[in-house]
Amino acid sequence: MDLSLFNGMVDEKTMGETQRIARVGSWEADLLSESIIWSDLVKEIHEVSLDYQPSFSSPMDFYTHEYQELVMQAMQRTISDGSLFDIEAIIETAKGNKCWIRVSGRAELRDGQCIRIYGAIQDIHDRKLAELGLLESRNRFESLVQTVDGIVWEADVNTLEFSFVSDQSSRILGYPPEEWIKIKNFWQNHIHPDDLEHAIGYCHRQTREGRNHIFDYRMISADGNIVWIKDIVSVIKTDGVPTLLRGVMVDVTETKRFEILEHLERTVLELNSTKEHSLKKMLSQYLLGIEQIYPHMKCSIVGIVDGKLSNLSSPSLPEAYIRALEGLQIGPNAGSCGTAAYLKEKVIVSDIARDSRWTMYSHLALPHNLRSCWSHPILDSDGSVTATFAIYYDHIKTPDEDELKVIDRAVAILKIILENKKNCEIIISSRSRQKREELKLQEIAYLQSHVVRAPLARLMGVIDLIKNYSHTDIEKNELLDHLLLSAKELDEVIRDISEKTE
């Protein structure tokens, strides 16, 4: 602060009072005589006595170590080029107290040579502490905001354009805060198309009515994945009119996925309890439901018949690939499914092109851009492998914790479905056998009640004629022939009945 600017404008008394109120004192360094002059207020700031006379070098000793070099360099520049300096620094007073000051100065040149430096020293300790306190509070607030497990944001109530977005946006969605703020309609452009109209419409309606609101929707992350967001929004009003929106976007993807998965499981199990839906239809509906939760995932269920693979349902895999797998023998290095079925354990192949278990089969998968495959065997109640559940991706990938949970849940559900199908087949087979037995018994009963009676009645009639009536020899021979014929016919009927009971 250059006090010479005040010369001629105010009287000396007013100047002194003004300086004392502002806690500003003057100083001067005469380079020719190497003398230092401090005003009384400067001495007061340094907490020295009013008769204190600083030496030419002593002022620098008051500055704390971290500021001595800064002040020295500023003064040397002023001496060399006459430039003005104005810096803030900390001094340690004669009484050992730390004090923030603002020191400014300029040079007086004569014939291009600096002969004097003069300026002002202001006590800014209280103001500086207030500034630092405010800065610390702001930093603490920003630190708190950045540690919230969600995206803290602020946006214009009309345009929905962002004025602040916390750093969590990079972690949760892969977009840095700068993109949210700079790109127009950033939020709208990254909402899932199926949720766009509902999300924007709901937000606008609630905002117009001045109501805080919470709503769920999907966003597309930078890597193309779906992230479920729970947006907790506060409407900020000025004079009763909404002007700003502030909120927190929380990633609820895991919770949402398992809510949807539970609903899907209930639906499929209900279908499984009826006869109207085929096994393939149920399996396809279940797999497609999982693929909607994980859009980049392709699911497959392969049955194991006589140690060979047999496709049950693979709704999103290429037909050519499905045909190529049909009938392949399971074994210790038979891709993911064949190996999982052989070992009766989960097989995770993150890179089909490089995994030894796919050496003989990678040429079947890679042309269809199938790069990774994880397979889990499905065991029946006897511990035999009935099928495998497989997940494919079009890129090299290792399952995360959520995906492993999905695999385990899917295997449990598929075991129920396949077990139920097996039991139904046993029951149907048993009923069919029972039905055949019933028909056989009915046929035997018919033979006994109708077919047997005819030759038996003839036998009885012939015997009655022979026994109770007199006959010529010729008549007796004819009756005996009838008797023999009826006996042979009865024998054939009995033999037929015996065959049917076997």
Protein backbone atom coordinates (compact mmCIF):
# COMPACT_ATOMS: atom_id res chain seq x y z
CA MET A 1 0.00 0.00 0.00
CA ASP A 2 1.56 3.29 -1.14
CA LEU A 3 0.87 5.92 1.53
CA SER A 4 2.22 8.73 -0.65
CA LEU A 5 -1.05 8.55 -2.55
CA PHE A 6 -2.74 10.13 0.48
CA ASN A 7 -0.37 13.10 0.66
CA GLY A 8 -2.15 16.38 0.17
CA MET A 9 -5.54 14.77 0.48
CA VAL A 10 -5.99 14.54 4.23
CA ASP A 11 -4.32 16.20 7.17
CA GLU A 12 -1.74 14.40 9.28
CA LYS A 13 -4.12 13.75 12.20
CA THR A 14 -6.75 12.16 9.97
CA MET A 15 -4.05 10.15 8.25
CA GLY A 16 -2.83 8.78 11.55
CA GLU A 17 -6.31 7.86 12.75
CA THR A 18 -7.07 6.17 9.45
CA GLN A 19 -3.84 4.18 9.58
CA ARG A 20 -4.50 3.06 13.13
CA ILE A 21 -8.03 1.93 12.29
CA ALA A 22 -6.70 0.01 9.30
CA ARG A 23 -3.73 -1.20 11.35
CA VAL A 24 -1.37 0.14 8.67
CA GLY A 25 2.07 1.53 9.43
CA SER A 26 4.82 2.91 7.21
CA TRP A 27 8.42 1.87 6.78
CA GLU A 28 11.43 3.08 4.88
CA ALA A 29 14.85 1.66 4.04
CA ASP A 30 17.59 4.10 2.97
CA LEU A 31 20.06 2.13 0.89
CA LEU A 32 22.65 4.91 0.88
CA SER A 33 22.85 5.31 4.65
CA GLU A 34 21.71 1.69 5.32
CA SER A 35 19.15 2.87 7.85
CA ILE A 36 15.62 1.67 8.62
CA ILE A 37 12.70 3.80 9.79
CA TRP A 38 9.54 2.26 11.28
CA SER A 39 6.41 4.11 12.20
CA ASP A 40 4.99 3.65 15.71
CA LEU A 41 2.27 1.34 14.37
CA VAL A 42 4.82 -0.87 12.61
CA LYS A 43 6.69 -1.12 15.94
CA GLU A 44 3.38 -1.95 17.63
CA ILE A 45 2.70 -4.68 15.09
CA HIS A 46 6.15 -6.17 15.75
CA GLU A 47 5.54 -5.81 19.51
CA VAL A 48 8.71 -3.81 20.14
CA SER A 49 9.08 -0.67 22.23
CA LEU A 50 8.49 2.73 20.66
CA ASP A 51 12.17 3.63 21.11
CA TYR A 52 13.23 0.48 19.24
CA GLN A 53 15.57 1.23 16.35
CA PRO A 54 15.85 -1.60 13.81
CA SER A 55 19.17 -2.26 12.16
CA PHE A 56 19.44 -2.49 8.38
CA SER A 57 19.10 -6.30 8.43
CA SER A 58 16.96 -6.86 11.52
CA PRO A 59 13.50 -6.54 9.84
CA MET A 60 14.17 -9.74 7.91
CA ASP A 61 14.77 -11.63 11.16
CA PHE A 62 11.14 -11.15 12.19
CA TYR A 63 9.81 -13.15 9.24
CA THR A 64 9.31 -16.84 9.85
CA HIS A 65 11.65 -19.17 8.04
CA GLU A 66 9.22 -20.14 5.25
CA TYR A 67 8.66 -16.47 4.30
CA GLN A 68 12.15 -15.00 4.59
CA GLU A 69 13.23 -16.08 1.13
CA LEU A 70 9.96 -14.84 -0.42
CA VAL A 71 10.30 -11.35 1.11
CA MET A 72 14.00 -11.14 0.27
CA GLN A 73 13.41 -12.01 -3.40
CA ALA A 74 10.57 -9.47 -3.65
CA MET A 75 12.77 -6.67 -2.31
CA GLN A 76 15.67 -7.60 -4.57
CA ARG A 77 13.41 -7.42 -7.63
CA THR A 78 12.20 -4.00 -6.50
CA ILE A 79 15.75 -2.76 -6.03
CA SER A 80 16.78 -4.06 -9.46
CA ASP A 81 13.85 -2.92 -11.58
CA GLY A 82 11.83 -0.56 -9.38
CA SER A 83 8.73 -2.77 -9.46
CA LEU A 84 6.08 -2.67 -6.76
CA PHE A 85 5.76 -5.66 -4.43
CA ASP A 86 2.79 -6.64 -2.30
CA ILE A 87 2.86 -9.92 -0.39
CA GLU A 88 1.36 -11.58 2.66
CA ALA A 89 3.65 -13.24 5.18
CA ILE A 90 3.95 -14.35 8.80
CA ILE A 91 6.24 -12.65 11.32
CA GLU A 92 7.18 -13.73 14.80
CA THR A 93 6.97 -10.66 17.07
CA ALA A 94 9.44 -9.69 19.74
CA LYS A 95 7.10 -11.32 22.25
CA GLY A 96 7.09 -14.61 20.30
CA ASN A 97 3.62 -14.25 18.83
CA LYS A 98 2.87 -15.22 15.22
CA CYS A 99 1.18 -12.51 13.19
CA TRP A 100 -0.02 -12.30 9.60
CA ILE A 101 1.02 -9.06 7.86
CA ARG A 102 0.69 -7.56 4.45
CA VAL A 103 3.90 -5.84 3.39
CA SER A 104 4.09 -3.67 0.29
CA GLY A 105 6.75 -1.39 -1.08
CA ARG A 106 8.26 0.40 -4.03
CA ALA A 107 11.65 1.77 -4.94
CA GLU A 108 12.85 5.34 -5.42
CA LEU A 109 15.32 5.53 -8.26
CA ARG A 110 17.91 8.18 -8.97
CA ASP A 111 19.78 8.02 -12.25
CA GLY A 112 18.50 4.46 -12.66
CA GLN A 113 19.81 3.40 -9.27
CA CYS A 114 17.62 2.53 -6.27
CA ILE A 115 18.41 4.77 -3.34
CA ARG A 116 15.37 4.06 -1.14
CA ILE A 117 12.59 1.52 -0.59
CA TYR A 118 9.47 2.57 1.21
CA GLY A 119 6.04 1.20 1.80
CA ALA A 120 3.50 0.00 4.33
CA ILE A 121 2.94 -2.90 6.69
CA GLN A 122 -0.61 -3.88 7.64
CA ASP A 123 -1.72 -6.14 10.45
CA ILE A 124 -4.04 -8.62 8.68
CA HIS A 125 -3.89 -11.33 11.32
CA ASP A 126 -7.58 -11.38 12.25
CA ARG A 127 -8.74 -11.17 8.65
CA LYS A 128 -6.30 -13.85 7.56
CA LEU A 129 -7.37 -16.20 10.32
CA ALA A 130 -10.99 -15.65 9.28
CA GLU A 131 -10.08 -16.36 5.65
CA LEU A 132 -8.14 -19.47 6.57
CA GLY A 133 -10.98 -20.62 8.79
CA LEU A 134 -13.43 -20.10 5.97
CA LEU A 135 -11.10 -21.89 3.56
CA GLU A 136 -10.67 -24.76 5.98
CA SER A 137 -14.42 -24.96 6.45
CA ARG A 138 -14.92 -24.93 2.69
CA ASN A 139 -12.25 -27.59 2.20
CA ARG A 140 -13.81 -29.69 4.93
CA PHE A 141 -17.21 -29.32 3.28
CA GLU A 142 -15.79 -30.21 -0.14
CA SER A 143 -13.98 -33.18 1.39
CA LEU A 144 -17.23 -34.28 2.99
CA VAL A 145 -19.09 -33.87 -0.31
CA GLN A 146 -16.45 -35.87 -2.16
CA THR A 147 -16.58 -38.70 0.37
CA VAL A 148 -20.37 -39.09 0.12
CA ASP A 149 -21.07 -42.42 -1.57
CA GLY A 150 -23.02 -40.75 -4.33
CA ILE A 151 -22.85 -37.94 -6.87
CA VAL A 152 -23.59 -34.62 -5.17
CA TRP A 153 -24.87 -32.10 -7.71
CA GLU A 154 -26.48 -28.71 -8.27
CA ALA A 155 -28.40 -27.68 -11.38
CA ASP A 156 -30.54 -24.89 -12.81
CA VAL A 157 -34.22 -25.48 -12.17
CA ASN A 158 -35.29 -24.61 -15.73
CA THR A 159 -32.51 -25.95 -17.97
CA LEU A 160 -31.34 -28.80 -15.70
CA GLU A 161 -27.79 -27.74 -16.55
CA PHE A 162 -25.24 -28.50 -13.83
CA SER A 163 -23.26 -25.89 -11.92
CA PHE A 164 -21.60 -28.41 -9.58
CA VAL A 165 -20.93 -32.15 -9.70
CA SER A 166 -18.79 -34.06 -7.20
CA ASP A 167 -15.86 -36.25 -8.17
CA GLN A 168 -17.82 -39.43 -7.45
CA SER A 169 -19.30 -39.04 -10.94
CA SER A 170 -16.05 -40.44 -12.35
CA ARG A 171 -16.19 -43.53 -10.14
CA ILE A 172 -19.90 -44.29 -10.48
CA LEU A 173 -20.54 -43.45 -14.14
CA GLY A 174 -17.08 -42.87 -15.61
CA TYR A 175 -17.70 -39.24 -16.59
CA PRO A 176 -15.60 -36.47 -14.95
CA PRO A 177 -17.45 -33.49 -13.42
CA GLU A 178 -16.19 -31.18 -16.18
CA GLU A 179 -18.24 -33.05 -18.80
CA TRP A 180 -21.43 -32.75 -16.75
CA ILE A 181 -20.94 -29.00 -16.42
CA LYS A 182 -19.69 -28.13 -19.92
CA ILE A 183 -21.87 -30.34 -22.12
CA LYS A 184 -25.43 -29.14 -22.65
CA ASN A 185 -28.18 -31.63 -21.77
CA PHE A 186 -25.55 -34.00 -20.39
CA TRP A 187 -27.91 -35.66 -17.91
CA GLN A 188 -30.74 -36.09 -20.40
CA ASN A 189 -28.38 -37.54 -23.02
CA HIS A 190 -27.11 -40.26 -20.69
CA ILE A 191 -30.41 -41.54 -19.26
CA HIS A 192 -31.44 -44.97 -20.53
CA PRO A 193 -33.81 -44.47 -23.51
CA ASP A 194 -36.55 -46.51 -21.84
CA ASP A 195 -36.47 -44.26 -18.75
CA LEU A 196 -35.85 -40.89 -20.44
CA GLU A 197 -39.42 -39.62 -20.78
CA HIS A 198 -40.50 -40.75 -17.32
CA ALA A 199 -37.42 -39.39 -15.50
CA ILE A 200 -37.47 -35.93 -17.10
CA GLY A 201 -41.24 -35.60 -16.91
CA TYR A 202 -41.38 -36.63 -13.26
CA CYS A 203 -38.56 -34.25 -12.30
CA HIS A 204 -40.21 -31.30 -14.07
CA ARG A 205 -43.63 -31.98 -12.55
CA GLN A 206 -42.31 -32.25 -9.01
CA THR A 207 -40.13 -29.17 -9.45
CA ARG A 208 -42.97 -27.00 -10.78
CA GLU A 209 -44.94 -27.85 -7.66
CA GLY A 210 -41.92 -27.07 -5.49
CA ARG A 211 -41.76 -30.57 -4.03
CA ASN A 212 -38.61 -32.42 -3.03
CA HIS A 213 -38.62 -35.79 -4.71
CA ILE A 214 -36.90 -39.17 -5.00
CA PHE A 215 -37.02 -41.29 -8.14
CA ASP A 216 -35.20 -44.23 -9.74
CA TYR A 217 -33.96 -44.51 -13.31
CA ARG A 218 -31.16 -46.02 -15.36
CA MET A 219 -28.14 -44.23 -16.82
CA ILE A 220 -25.61 -45.46 -19.37
CA SER A 221 -22.05 -45.36 -17.99
CA ALA A 222 -18.96 -44.47 -20.00
CA ASP A 223 -18.18 -48.17 -20.55
CA GLY A 224 -21.70 -48.84 -21.86
CA ASN A 225 -23.05 -50.57 -18.75
CA ILE A 226 -26.41 -49.83 -17.14
CA VAL A 227 -26.27 -48.10 -13.75
CA TRP A 228 -29.42 -47.78 -11.66
CA ILE A 229 -29.61 -44.37 -9.97
CA LYS A 230 -31.72 -43.31 -7.00
CA ASP A 231 -31.88 -39.50 -7.28
CA ILE A 232 -32.69 -37.63 -4.05
CA VAL A 233 -33.61 -34.07 -5.10
CA SER A 234 -34.19 -30.90 -3.06
CA VAL A 235 -35.90 -27.89 -4.65
CA ILE A 236 -34.23 -24.63 -3.57
CA LYS A 237 -36.53 -21.59 -3.61
CA THR A 238 -35.89 -17.84 -3.70
CA ASP A 239 -38.86 -15.73 -2.57
CA GLY A 240 -41.00 -18.84 -2.85
CA VAL A 241 -40.00 -19.52 -6.46
CA PRO A 242 -37.89 -22.63 -7.35
CA THR A 243 -34.50 -21.52 -8.67
CA LEU A 244 -32.07 -24.37 -8.03
CA LEU A 245 -32.07 -28.13 -7.70
CA ARG A 246 -29.62 -29.88 -5.42
CA GLY A 247 -29.36 -33.58 -4.93
CA VAL A 248 -27.45 -36.81 -4.52
CA MET A 249 -27.40 -39.59 -7.11
CA VAL A 250 -26.86 -42.93 -5.37
CA ASP A 251 -25.80 -46.05 -7.24
CA VAL A 252 -28.44 -48.70 -6.40
CA THR A 253 -27.58 -51.04 -9.26
CA GLU A 254 -26.90 -54.08 -7.10
CA THR A 255 -30.15 -53.70 -5.16
CA LYS A 256 -32.19 -53.14 -8.33
CA ARG A 257 -30.63 -56.05 -10.13
CA PHE A 258 -31.56 -58.45 -7.38
CA GLU A 259 -35.08 -57.01 -7.11
CA ILE A 260 -35.56 -57.66 -10.84
CA LEU A 261 -33.90 -61.06 -10.53
CA GLU A 262 -36.24 -62.06 -7.69
CA HIS A 263 -39.27 -61.04 -9.76
CA LEU A 264 -37.93 -63.02 -12.72
CA GLU A 265 -37.37 -66.07 -10.52
CA ARG A 266 -40.91 -65.91 -9.13
CA THR A 267 -42.34 -65.66 -12.65
CA VAL A 268 -40.35 -68.61 -13.96
CA LEU A 269 -41.12 -70.78 -10.94
CA GLU A 270 -44.83 -70.03 -11.38
CA LEU A 271 -44.57 -71.12 -15.01
CA ASN A 272 -42.68 -74.20 -13.88
CA SER A 273 -45.61 -75.19 -11.66
CA THR A 274 -47.98 -75.50 -14.64
CA LYS A 275 -48.09 -77.90 -17.59
CA GLU A 276 -48.86 -75.33 -20.27
CA HIS A 277 -45.27 -74.13 -20.77
CA SER A 278 -42.51 -76.19 -22.34
CA LEU A 279 -39.11 -76.53 -20.71
CA LYS A 280 -37.40 -74.67 -23.55
CA LYS A 281 -39.83 -71.76 -23.31
CA MET A 282 -39.30 -71.44 -19.55
CA LEU A 283 -35.52 -71.63 -19.86
CA SER A 284 -35.45 -69.08 -22.69
CA GLN A 285 -37.63 -66.64 -20.73
CA TYR A 286 -35.37 -66.96 -17.71
CA LEU A 287 -32.14 -66.50 -19.67
CA LEU A 288 -33.47 -63.49 -21.60
CA GLY A 289 -34.52 -61.93 -18.29
CA ILE A 290 -30.98 -62.29 -16.93
CA GLU A 291 -29.57 -60.80 -20.12
CA GLN A 292 -31.78 -57.74 -19.71
CA ILE A 293 -30.22 -57.15 -16.28
CA TYR A 294 -26.71 -57.55 -17.76
CA PRO A 295 -27.02 -56.32 -21.37
CA HIS A 296 -23.58 -57.53 -22.54
CA MET A 297 -24.13 -61.05 -21.18
CA LYS A 298 -25.17 -64.04 -23.30
CA CYS A 299 -26.53 -67.04 -21.36
CA SER A 300 -26.76 -70.71 -22.26
CA ILE A 301 -28.04 -73.94 -20.70
CA VAL A 302 -26.57 -77.14 -22.11
CA GLY A 303 -27.88 -80.56 -21.09
CA ILE A 304 -25.58 -83.54 -20.55
CA VAL A 305 -26.80 -86.71 -22.27
CA ASP A 306 -24.58 -89.83 -22.20
CA GLY A 307 -21.55 -87.65 -21.49
CA LYS A 308 -22.20 -85.33 -24.41
CA LEU A 309 -23.44 -81.74 -24.74
CA SER A 310 -27.01 -81.14 -25.85
CA ASN A 311 -28.38 -77.61 -26.12
CA LEU A 312 -31.44 -76.88 -23.97
CA SER A 313 -31.66 -73.11 -24.42
CA SER A 314 -29.28 -70.47 -25.76
CA PRO A 315 -31.55 -67.65 -26.98
CA SER A 316 -28.80 -65.13 -27.75
CA LEU A 317 -26.00 -67.34 -29.05
CA PRO A 318 -25.46 -67.74 -32.82
CA GLU A 319 -27.21 -70.80 -34.30
CA ALA A 320 -24.01 -71.91 -36.00
CA TYR A 321 -22.17 -71.97 -32.69
CA ILE A 322 -25.00 -73.90 -30.99
CA ARG A 323 -24.91 -76.53 -33.75
CA ALA A 324 -21.13 -76.80 -33.48
CA LEU A 325 -21.34 -77.64 -29.75
CA GLU A 326 -24.08 -80.24 -30.14
CA GLY A 327 -22.87 -83.73 -29.26
CA LEU A 328 -19.37 -82.74 -28.11
CA GLN A 329 -17.89 -85.06 -25.50
CA ILE A 330 -17.28 -83.70 -22.00
CA GLY A 331 -13.74 -83.91 -20.65
CA PRO A 332 -10.96 -82.20 -18.66
CA ASN A 333 -10.21 -79.77 -21.52
CA ALA A 334 -13.51 -79.53 -23.33
CA GLY A 335 -14.16 -75.79 -23.23
CA SER A 336 -15.97 -74.27 -20.25
CA CYS A 337 -19.17 -76.37 -20.29
CA GLY A 338 -17.56 -79.69 -21.12
CA THR A 339 -14.91 -79.20 -18.46
CA ALA A 340 -17.41 -78.01 -15.82
CA ALA A 341 -19.60 -81.05 -16.47
CA TYR A 342 -16.61 -83.40 -16.33
CA LEU A 343 -15.10 -81.94 -13.15
CA LYS A 344 -18.47 -81.13 -11.53
CA GLU A 345 -17.18 -77.70 -10.56
CA LYS A 346 -17.37 -74.09 -11.73
CA VAL A 347 -15.03 -73.18 -14.59
CA ILE A 348 -14.09 -69.52 -15.19
CA VAL A 349 -12.41 -68.78 -18.52
CA SER A 350 -11.74 -65.07 -18.87
CA ASP A 351 -9.87 -65.34 -22.19
CA ILE A 352 -10.99 -68.11 -24.55
CA ALA A 353 -8.18 -67.40 -26.99
CA ARG A 354 -5.48 -68.17 -24.40
CA ASP A 355 -7.00 -70.74 -22.06
CA SER A 356 -5.75 -74.31 -22.48
CA ARG A 357 -9.22 -75.71 -21.79
CA TRP A 358 -10.38 -74.10 -25.05
CA THR A 359 -7.41 -75.12 -27.21
CA MET A 360 -9.47 -77.62 -29.22
CA TYR A 361 -12.61 -75.48 -29.34
CA SER A 362 -11.61 -71.80 -29.51
CA HIS A 363 -12.00 -71.88 -33.30
CA LEU A 364 -15.72 -72.48 -32.72
CA ALA A 365 -16.23 -69.48 -30.42
CA LEU A 366 -13.84 -66.75 -31.58
CA PRO A 367 -15.36 -66.26 -35.08
CA HIS A 368 -18.61 -65.32 -33.28
CA ASN A 369 -16.76 -62.82 -31.06
CA LEU A 370 -17.24 -64.94 -27.94
CA ARG A 371 -14.18 -64.04 -25.86
CA SER A 372 -14.91 -65.28 -22.34
CA CYS A 373 -17.07 -68.03 -20.91
CA TRP A 374 -17.92 -69.04 -17.34
CA SER A 375 -19.75 -72.30 -16.76
CA HIS A 376 -21.32 -73.88 -13.68
CA PRO A 377 -22.49 -77.51 -13.53
CA ILE A 378 -26.07 -78.25 -12.44
CA LEU A 379 -26.29 -81.42 -10.33
CA ASP A 380 -29.44 -83.41 -9.62
CA SER A 381 -30.39 -84.80 -6.22
CA ASP A 382 -28.27 -87.89 -6.91
CA GLY A 383 -25.16 -85.78 -7.59
CA SER A 384 -25.16 -86.43 -11.33
CA VAL A 385 -24.55 -83.59 -13.79
CA THR A 386 -27.72 -82.93 -15.75
CA ALA A 387 -26.73 -79.63 -17.38
CA THR A 388 -24.41 -76.61 -17.25
CA PHE A 389 -25.26 -72.93 -17.02
CA ALA A 390 -22.87 -70.76 -19.04
CA ILE A 391 -22.29 -67.02 -19.45
CA TYR A 392 -20.50 -65.58 -22.48
CA TYR A 393 -19.08 -62.08 -23.10
CA ASP A 394 -17.78 -60.48 -26.27
CA HIS A 395 -14.65 -59.31 -24.46
CA ILE A 396 -12.07 -60.70 -22.06
CA LYS A 397 -13.69 -60.59 -18.64
CA THR A 398 -13.48 -62.04 -15.13
CA PRO A 399 -16.73 -62.14 -13.13
CA ASP A 400 -17.21 -59.59 -10.38
CA GLU A 401 -18.89 -60.33 -7.07
CA ASP A 402 -22.38 -59.45 -8.35
CA GLU A 403 -22.04 -61.72 -11.37
CA LEU A 404 -20.86 -64.63 -9.22
CA LYS A 405 -23.95 -64.17 -7.04
CA VAL A 406 -26.16 -64.20 -10.15
CA ILE A 407 -24.52 -67.42 -11.36
CA ASP A 408 -25.08 -69.14 -8.01
CA ARG A 409 -28.72 -68.01 -7.87
CA ALA A 410 -29.35 -69.03 -11.47
CA VAL A 411 -27.90 -72.49 -10.89
CA ALA A 412 -30.19 -72.97 -7.85
CA ILE A 413 -33.28 -71.98 -9.86
CA LEU A 414 -32.30 -74.06 -12.89
CA LYS A 415 -31.75 -77.08 -10.65
CA ILE A 416 -35.35 -76.73 -9.40
CA ILE A 417 -36.71 -76.37 -12.95
CA LEU A 418 -34.77 -79.33 -14.35
CA GLU A 419 -35.51 -81.51 -11.30
CA ASN A 420 -39.20 -80.68 -11.64
CA LYS A 421 -39.11 -81.54 -15.34
CA LYS A 422 -37.41 -84.86 -14.58
CA ASN A 423 -39.96 -85.69 -11.88
CA CYS A 424 -42.83 -84.76 -14.21
CA GLU A 425 -41.46 -87.11 -16.86
CA ILE A 426 -41.23 -89.90 -14.30
CA ILE A 427 -44.80 -89.27 -13.18
CA ILE A 428 -46.06 -89.12 -16.77
CA SER A 429 -44.21 -92.32 -17.61
CA SER A 430 -45.62 -93.99 -14.52
CA ARG A 431 -49.13 -92.87 -15.37
CA SER A 432 -48.75 -94.08 -18.95
CA ARG A 433 -47.60 -97.47 -17.71
CA GLN A 434 -50.47 -97.57 -15.26
CA LYS A 435 -52.87 -96.64 -18.04
CA ARG A 436 -51.54 -99.44 -20.21
CA GLU A 437 -51.93 -101.88 -17.34
CA GLU A 438 -55.51 -100.75 -16.82
CA LEU A 439 -56.27 -101.21 -20.52
CA LYS A 440 -54.71 -104.66 -20.45
CA LEU A 441 -56.79 -105.66 -17.44
CA GLN A 442 -59.92 -104.34 -19.13
CA GLU A 443 -59.10 -106.38 -22.21
CA ILE A 444 -58.49 -109.50 -20.10
CA ALA A 445 -61.74 -108.91 -18.28
CA TYR A 446 -63.51 -108.59 -21.61
CA LEU A 447 -61.93 -111.82 -22.85
CA GLN A 448 -62.93 -113.55 -19.69
CA SER A 449 -66.45 -112.21 -19.69
CA HIS A 450 -67.19 -112.52 -23.42
CA VAL A 451 -64.71 -114.49 -25.46
CA VAL A 452 -64.29 -117.33 -22.94
CA ARG A 453 -68.04 -117.72 -22.51
CA ALA A 454 -68.75 -118.67 -26.16
CA PRO A 455 -66.61 -121.87 -26.40
CA LEU A 456 -67.41 -122.72 -22.81
CA ALA A 457 -71.16 -122.46 -23.48
CA ARG A 458 -70.78 -124.71 -26.53
CA LEU A 459 -68.84 -127.25 -24.49
CA MET A 460 -71.50 -127.29 -21.85
CA GLY A 461 -74.23 -127.65 -24.48
CA VAL A 462 -72.50 -130.53 -26.27
CA ILE A 463 -71.81 -132.35 -23.00
CA ASP A 464 -75.47 -131.93 -22.04
CA LEU A 465 -76.59 -133.42 -25.39
CA ILE A 466 -74.24 -136.37 -25.04
CA LYS A 467 -75.20 -137.03 -21.46
CA ASN A 468 -78.96 -136.60 -21.52
CA TYR A 469 -80.03 -137.80 -25.01
CA SER A 470 -79.61 -141.02 -26.98
CA HIS A 471 -77.74 -140.75 -30.26
CA THR A 472 -76.63 -142.89 -33.12
CA ASP A 473 -72.94 -143.54 -33.49
CA ILE A 474 -72.71 -141.02 -36.30
CA GLU A 475 -74.43 -138.34 -34.17
CA LYS A 476 -72.15 -139.12 -31.22
CA ASN A 477 -69.08 -138.72 -33.43
CA GLU A 478 -70.34 -135.35 -34.69
CA LEU A 479 -71.02 -134.19 -31.13
CA LEU A 480 -67.54 -135.31 -30.06
CA ASP A 481 -66.06 -133.37 -33.00
CA HIS A 482 -67.96 -130.26 -31.80
CA LEU A 483 -66.73 -130.95 -28.29
CA LEU A 484 -63.09 -131.14 -29.46
CA LEU A 485 -63.43 -128.01 -31.59
CA SER A 486 -64.88 -126.00 -28.70
CA ALA A 487 -62.13 -127.25 -26.37
CA LYS A 488 -59.42 -126.16 -28.84
CA GLU A 489 -61.08 -122.72 -29.21
CA LEU A 490 -61.22 -122.37 -25.43
CA ASP A 491 -57.54 -123.35 -25.20
CA GLU A 492 -56.57 -120.61 -27.68
CA VAL A 493 -58.53 -117.99 -25.71
CA ILE A 494 -56.84 -119.05 -22.45
CA ARG A 495 -53.42 -118.93 -24.13
CA ASP A 496 -54.17 -115.40 -25.42
CA ILE A 497 -55.18 -114.24 -21.96
CA SER A 498 -51.96 -115.67 -20.53
CA GLU A 499 -49.88 -113.76 -23.06
CA LYS A 500 -51.62 -110.51 -22.20
CA THR A 501 -50.85 -110.90 -18.50
CA GLU A 502 -47.11 -111.27 -19.10
